[in-house]
Protein backbone atom coordinates (compact mmCIF):
# COMPACT_ATOMS: atom_id res chain seq x y z
CA MET A 1 10.27 -14.91 -51.31
CA LYS A 2 10.91 -11.98 -53.63
CA TYR A 3 11.53 -8.28 -53.34
CA LYS A 4 10.08 -5.51 -55.52
CA ILE A 5 11.42 -1.97 -55.65
CA ARG A 6 8.55 0.50 -55.14
CA GLN A 7 8.76 3.83 -56.91
CA LEU A 8 6.68 7.00 -57.12
CA ASP A 9 7.32 9.58 -59.82
CA GLY A 10 10.70 8.00 -60.61
CA VAL A 11 11.92 8.07 -57.00
CA ASP A 12 12.63 4.81 -55.17
CA LEU A 13 10.52 4.84 -51.98
CA SER A 14 10.82 1.39 -50.45
CA ILE A 15 11.32 -2.31 -51.03
CA ASN A 16 8.27 -4.55 -50.97
CA LYS A 17 8.82 -8.05 -49.66
CA VAL A 18 6.35 -10.32 -51.44
CA SER A 19 5.38 -13.99 -51.25
CA GLY A 20 5.73 -16.39 -54.15
CA SER A 21 2.13 -15.62 -55.14
CA GLY A 22 2.82 -11.87 -55.19
CA GLN A 23 1.09 -11.01 -51.91
CA LEU A 24 2.68 -8.10 -50.05
CA ILE A 25 4.31 -9.27 -46.83
CA MET A 26 5.88 -6.00 -45.75
CA SER A 27 7.23 -2.69 -47.00
CA ILE A 28 10.86 -2.06 -46.07
CA PRO A 29 12.19 1.51 -45.84
CA LEU A 30 15.40 2.39 -47.63
CA ASP A 31 17.27 2.79 -44.36
CA PRO A 32 20.63 1.04 -43.82
CA ASN A 33 19.91 0.99 -40.07
CA ASN A 34 16.64 -0.93 -40.52
CA LEU A 35 16.97 -4.65 -39.71
CA ASP A 36 14.59 -5.68 -42.51
CA TYR A 37 16.67 -3.64 -44.99
CA GLN A 38 19.80 -5.40 -43.76
CA GLN A 39 18.04 -8.76 -44.21
CA PHE A 40 17.10 -7.75 -47.75
CA LEU A 41 20.77 -7.09 -48.54
CA GLN A 42 21.78 -10.41 -46.99
CA ASP A 43 19.10 -12.32 -48.92
CA VAL A 44 20.23 -10.77 -52.22
CA LYS A 45 23.87 -11.50 -51.42
CA GLU A 46 23.05 -15.17 -50.69
CA GLN A 47 20.35 -15.84 -53.31
CA GLY A 48 21.30 -13.47 -56.11
CA TYR A 49 19.61 -10.62 -57.93
CA SER A 50 16.92 -12.88 -59.40
CA ILE A 51 14.91 -12.40 -56.18
CA VAL A 52 14.70 -8.63 -56.84
CA GLU A 53 12.39 -7.01 -59.38
CA GLY A 54 12.75 -3.43 -60.54
CA PRO A 55 9.93 -0.92 -60.18
CA THR A 56 6.82 -1.03 -62.34
CA VAL A 57 7.07 1.79 -64.86
CA GLY A 58 3.96 1.24 -66.95
CA VAL A 59 0.79 -0.77 -67.21
CA THR A 60 -1.30 -1.25 -70.35
CA THR A 61 -4.81 -2.65 -70.01
CA ALA A 62 -5.80 -5.42 -72.42
CA TYR A 63 -8.16 -4.27 -75.19
CA ASP A 64 -11.13 -6.38 -74.08
CA ILE A 65 -11.03 -5.06 -70.51
CA ALA A 66 -10.57 -1.46 -71.68
CA ARG A 67 -13.46 -1.76 -74.14
CA GLU A 68 -15.76 -3.35 -71.58
CA LYS A 69 -15.27 -0.38 -69.25
CA GLU A 70 -16.21 2.10 -71.99
CA TYR A 71 -19.16 0.36 -73.60
CA PRO A 72 -22.44 1.89 -72.44
CA PRO A 73 -24.92 -0.37 -70.64
CA LEU A 74 -26.92 -2.56 -73.02
CA GLN A 75 -30.13 -0.64 -72.26
CA ASP A 76 -28.44 2.63 -73.34
CA GLN A 77 -27.15 0.96 -76.51
CA LEU A 78 -30.63 -0.23 -77.40
CA ASP A 79 -31.99 3.27 -76.72
CA LYS A 80 -29.34 4.67 -79.08
CA ILE A 81 -30.42 2.26 -81.82
CA TYR A 82 -34.12 3.07 -81.29
CA HIS A 83 -33.70 6.86 -81.23
CA SER A 84 -30.75 7.39 -83.58
CA GLY A 85 -30.55 4.26 -85.71
CA VAL A 86 -28.12 1.39 -86.08
CA ASN A 87 -25.52 3.47 -87.94
CA ALA A 88 -25.24 5.97 -85.08
CA TRP A 89 -24.84 3.11 -82.62
CA LYS A 90 -22.22 1.48 -84.87
CA ALA A 91 -20.29 4.76 -85.01
CA ASP A 92 -20.20 4.98 -81.20
CA ILE A 93 -19.07 1.36 -80.84
CA LYS A 94 -16.47 1.74 -83.62
CA ALA A 95 -14.93 4.73 -81.84
CA ILE A 96 -14.37 2.56 -78.76
CA LYS A 97 -13.01 -0.33 -80.84
CA ASP A 98 -10.65 2.05 -82.66
CA LYS A 99 -9.48 3.53 -79.36
CA TYR A 100 -8.61 0.05 -78.03
CA PRO A 101 -7.49 -2.13 -80.97
CA LYS A 102 -7.14 -5.90 -80.60
CA THR A 103 -3.38 -5.47 -80.90
CA GLN A 104 -3.40 -3.82 -77.46
CA VAL A 105 -2.50 -6.47 -74.92
CA GLY A 106 -2.27 -6.26 -71.16
CA VAL A 107 1.36 -5.56 -70.33
CA THR A 108 3.19 -4.51 -67.19
CA THR A 109 6.55 -2.90 -67.89
CA VAL A 110 9.20 -3.34 -65.21
CA ALA A 111 12.42 -1.31 -65.07
CA ASP A 112 15.83 -2.79 -64.39
CA ILE A 113 16.98 -3.19 -60.81
CA PRO A 114 18.37 0.19 -59.71
CA SER A 115 22.17 0.39 -59.49
CA TRP A 116 22.02 1.37 -55.81
CA VAL A 117 20.87 -2.19 -55.00
CA LYS A 118 24.12 -3.69 -56.34
CA ASP A 119 26.15 -0.98 -54.62
CA ALA A 120 24.39 -1.63 -51.30
CA VAL A 121 24.76 -5.43 -51.58
CA ASP A 122 28.46 -5.08 -52.43
CA ALA A 123 28.96 -2.74 -49.44
CA ALA A 124 27.09 -5.05 -47.02
CA ASP A 125 29.19 -7.11 -44.60
């Protein structure tokens, strides 16, 4: 069992309780009177901060997935070659390859656990 802080536009909205495989179990409001929120604090106090993940702050798509989405359908590519020549087709494909270089890897950036989590756990009974 893990918890993930959910953010929107830099504002913490809720805590997602997730299974070991990452499936969402429930969304917990940031309300000290909520029983699930109180259980979250208790779980962190007993199991440590390793069960909490900070909010996702950025996602980069891997180059091969990004390129695949931008390449025209094969039929359109063949049409381009027929009507405009191989060099025109190569220029179009190169623009996509340059836009998404092989050095671009799929990465999800996660922020640190917000300080209010530690404060709330410390303040919990």
